[in-house]
Amino acid sequence: GGFSVAIIAFLWPSLTGGFGGKVRAGSKREILAEVAEKKQPFYVPEARAYVNPYPEGALPRAKQVYSDSVLPGLEAGLIALFQKCVHLGCRVPWCQTSQWFECPCHGSKYNRVGEKKGGPAPRGLDQFPLVVDGDLVTIDTGTVVQGLAIGVETNGQEAEGPSCV
């Protein structure tokens, strides 16, 4: 009985801190500065998520297609994307040359805000709601929001160079 309780306690998701709860990603100012300097998303390992800027000009279209739980983050200028490919669950790395996420397992490709651009994936990358309180960014990894349907595009970002896969 004691062993069973220990197993359940170990597997039960945490409600605060760590994956399955609310994870502090850092300051919005620092996140945006690092993204601009390195030309790649800000990775938050505890959240298993990438944080990328969301373009203000894409907000009118985003309000028509994104979940209400994700919209406050988009309005604050950020999007949090789950690192897992929606095709078969591989970790999707960032391709520096194309400026897209490209899955090495089967070639699914997603633009910088996680919208599907190619490959066998059934939809865009899943997202996490995020909150910007003052300058502090917190990602709610306890709520996974399903990625956008194939063909839905809000920001028009095309590949900026050769593909990595």
Protein backbone atom coordinates (compact mmCIF):
# COMPACT_ATOMS: atom_id res chain seq x y z
CA GLY A 1 0.00 0.00 0.00
CA GLY A 2 2.78 2.43 0.94
CA PHE A 3 4.62 1.69 -2.29
CA SER A 4 1.45 2.40 -4.30
CA VAL A 5 0.96 5.74 -2.56
CA ALA A 6 4.59 6.67 -3.26
CA ILE A 7 4.19 5.81 -6.97
CA ILE A 8 0.99 7.86 -7.26
CA ALA A 9 2.60 10.82 -5.46
CA PHE A 10 5.59 10.64 -7.81
CA LEU A 11 3.45 10.51 -10.95
CA TRP A 12 0.86 13.10 -9.89
CA PRO A 13 1.45 16.42 -11.68
CA SER A 14 2.73 19.31 -9.63
CA LEU A 15 0.33 22.23 -9.34
CA THR A 16 3.08 24.81 -8.93
CA GLY A 17 6.57 24.95 -10.36
CA GLY A 18 7.77 22.34 -12.81
CA PHE A 19 6.00 20.73 -15.71
CA GLY A 20 2.28 20.24 -15.08
CA GLY A 21 2.01 23.48 -13.12
CA LYS A 22 2.86 27.14 -13.46
CA VAL A 23 6.46 27.78 -14.45
CA ARG A 24 8.22 31.13 -14.22
CA ALA A 25 9.92 31.79 -17.53
CA GLY A 26 11.69 35.02 -16.54
CA SER A 27 11.31 38.65 -17.45
CA LYS A 28 9.61 39.65 -20.69
CA ARG A 29 12.31 42.22 -21.36
CA GLU A 30 15.09 39.62 -21.00
CA ILE A 31 13.21 37.03 -23.08
CA LEU A 32 12.68 39.48 -25.96
CA ALA A 33 16.30 40.67 -25.76
CA GLU A 34 17.63 37.09 -25.95
CA VAL A 35 15.32 36.20 -28.87
CA ALA A 36 16.46 39.30 -30.77
CA GLU A 37 20.16 38.68 -30.04
CA LYS A 38 20.25 34.94 -30.82
CA LYS A 39 17.51 34.94 -33.52
CA GLN A 40 15.93 31.88 -31.93
CA PRO A 41 13.11 31.21 -29.44
CA PHE A 42 13.66 31.44 -25.71
CA TYR A 43 13.64 27.87 -24.36
CA VAL A 44 12.25 27.16 -20.87
CA PRO A 45 13.33 23.58 -19.98
CA GLU A 46 11.15 23.33 -16.85
CA ALA A 47 8.09 24.09 -19.01
CA ARG A 48 9.26 22.04 -22.01
CA ALA A 49 8.31 25.11 -23.99
CA TYR A 50 9.61 27.69 -26.40
CA VAL A 51 8.63 31.33 -25.94
CA ASN A 52 8.59 33.48 -29.06
CA PRO A 53 7.36 36.99 -29.80
CA TYR A 54 3.91 37.19 -31.31
CA PRO A 55 3.57 39.99 -33.90
CA GLU A 56 1.10 42.73 -32.97
CA GLY A 57 -0.07 43.01 -36.58
CA ALA A 58 -1.30 39.41 -36.49
CA LEU A 59 -3.61 39.95 -33.49
CA PRO A 60 -6.84 40.68 -35.43
CA ARG A 61 -6.59 37.30 -37.22
CA ALA A 62 -5.39 35.56 -34.03
CA LYS A 63 -8.52 36.68 -32.14
CA GLN A 64 -10.60 34.73 -34.67
CA VAL A 65 -8.73 31.41 -34.40
CA TYR A 66 -6.77 31.10 -31.12
CA SER A 67 -8.19 29.79 -27.86
CA ASP A 68 -9.36 32.37 -25.31
CA SER A 69 -6.85 30.95 -22.81
CA VAL A 70 -3.92 31.75 -25.13
CA LEU A 71 -5.08 35.21 -26.29
CA PRO A 72 -3.86 37.20 -23.22
CA GLY A 73 -0.30 36.02 -23.92
CA LEU A 74 -0.59 36.92 -27.60
CA GLU A 75 -1.90 40.37 -26.66
CA ALA A 76 1.13 40.75 -24.38
CA GLY A 77 3.30 39.95 -27.42
CA LEU A 78 4.36 36.38 -26.57
CA ILE A 79 3.41 32.80 -27.39
CA ALA A 80 4.45 29.65 -25.48
CA LEU A 81 4.76 26.52 -27.64
CA PHE A 82 5.00 22.93 -26.38
CA GLN A 83 8.29 21.39 -27.60
CA LYS A 84 6.54 18.15 -28.64
CA CYS A 85 5.66 17.47 -32.29
CA VAL A 86 1.95 16.73 -32.63
CA HIS A 87 2.70 13.96 -35.15
CA LEU A 88 4.54 11.39 -33.02
CA GLY A 89 5.82 13.34 -30.03
CA CYS A 90 9.45 14.01 -30.98
CA ARG A 91 11.09 17.14 -29.57
CA VAL A 92 10.97 19.78 -32.30
CA PRO A 93 14.16 21.86 -32.53
CA TRP A 94 14.53 25.32 -34.00
CA CYS A 95 16.17 25.59 -37.41
CA GLN A 96 18.38 28.66 -37.44
CA THR A 97 18.54 28.92 -41.25
CA SER A 98 14.82 28.65 -42.06
CA GLN A 99 13.71 30.37 -38.82
CA TRP A 100 11.11 27.60 -38.37
CA PHE A 101 10.63 24.67 -36.02
CA GLU A 102 11.51 21.48 -37.93
CA CYS A 103 10.89 17.98 -36.61
CA PRO A 104 13.84 15.65 -37.32
CA CYS A 105 11.69 12.49 -37.01
CA HIS A 106 9.33 12.88 -39.96
CA GLY A 107 9.88 16.40 -41.33
CA SER A 108 6.91 18.36 -39.97
CA LYS A 109 7.58 22.10 -40.12
CA TYR A 110 6.05 24.96 -38.17
CA ASN A 111 6.55 28.72 -38.44
CA ARG A 112 7.86 30.77 -35.52
CA VAL A 113 4.43 30.92 -33.86
CA GLY A 114 3.85 27.17 -34.24
CA GLU A 115 1.50 27.17 -37.24
CA LYS A 116 1.94 24.08 -39.43
CA LYS A 117 3.77 24.70 -42.71
CA GLY A 118 4.53 21.17 -43.93
CA GLY A 119 4.96 17.48 -43.18
CA PRO A 120 2.66 14.81 -41.71
CA ALA A 121 1.62 16.62 -38.51
CA PRO A 122 -2.18 16.89 -38.18
CA ARG A 123 -2.12 20.49 -36.84
CA GLY A 124 0.14 23.22 -35.52
CA LEU A 125 2.23 22.94 -32.35
CA ASP A 126 0.27 22.83 -29.11
CA GLN A 127 0.45 25.92 -26.93
CA PHE A 128 0.44 26.82 -23.26
CA PRO A 129 -1.36 29.82 -21.82
CA LEU A 130 1.04 32.39 -20.44
CA VAL A 131 0.61 35.43 -18.24
CA VAL A 132 2.71 38.56 -18.19
CA ASP A 133 2.41 40.23 -14.77
CA GLY A 134 4.42 43.43 -14.80
CA ASP A 135 7.55 42.07 -16.46
CA LEU A 136 7.32 38.48 -15.13
CA VAL A 137 6.28 35.76 -17.60
CA THR A 138 4.60 32.63 -16.21
CA ILE A 139 3.66 29.61 -18.35
CA ASP A 140 0.74 27.37 -17.32
CA THR A 141 1.93 23.91 -18.36
CA GLY A 142 -1.08 22.34 -16.67
CA THR A 143 -3.22 23.48 -19.60
CA VAL A 144 -2.23 22.24 -23.06
CA VAL A 145 -4.09 24.05 -25.84
CA GLN A 146 -4.39 22.14 -29.10
CA GLY A 147 -2.51 23.69 -32.03
CA LEU A 148 -4.28 25.40 -34.91
CA ALA A 149 -5.77 23.40 -37.78
CA ILE A 150 -3.83 22.78 -40.99
CA GLY A 151 -3.94 25.81 -43.26
CA VAL A 152 -4.66 28.36 -40.52
CA GLU A 153 -2.07 31.10 -40.67
CA THR A 154 -2.01 34.38 -38.78
CA ASN A 155 1.39 35.94 -39.32
CA GLY A 156 2.43 35.00 -42.89
CA GLN A 157 6.00 34.08 -41.93
CA GLU A 158 7.67 32.00 -44.64
CA ALA A 159 11.00 30.15 -44.42
CA GLU A 160 13.88 32.61 -44.39
CA GLY A 161 16.51 30.21 -45.67
CA PRO A 162 17.25 26.55 -46.34
CA SER A 163 15.57 23.83 -44.31
CA CYS A 164 17.48 21.85 -41.67
CA VAL A 165 15.68 18.52 -42.32
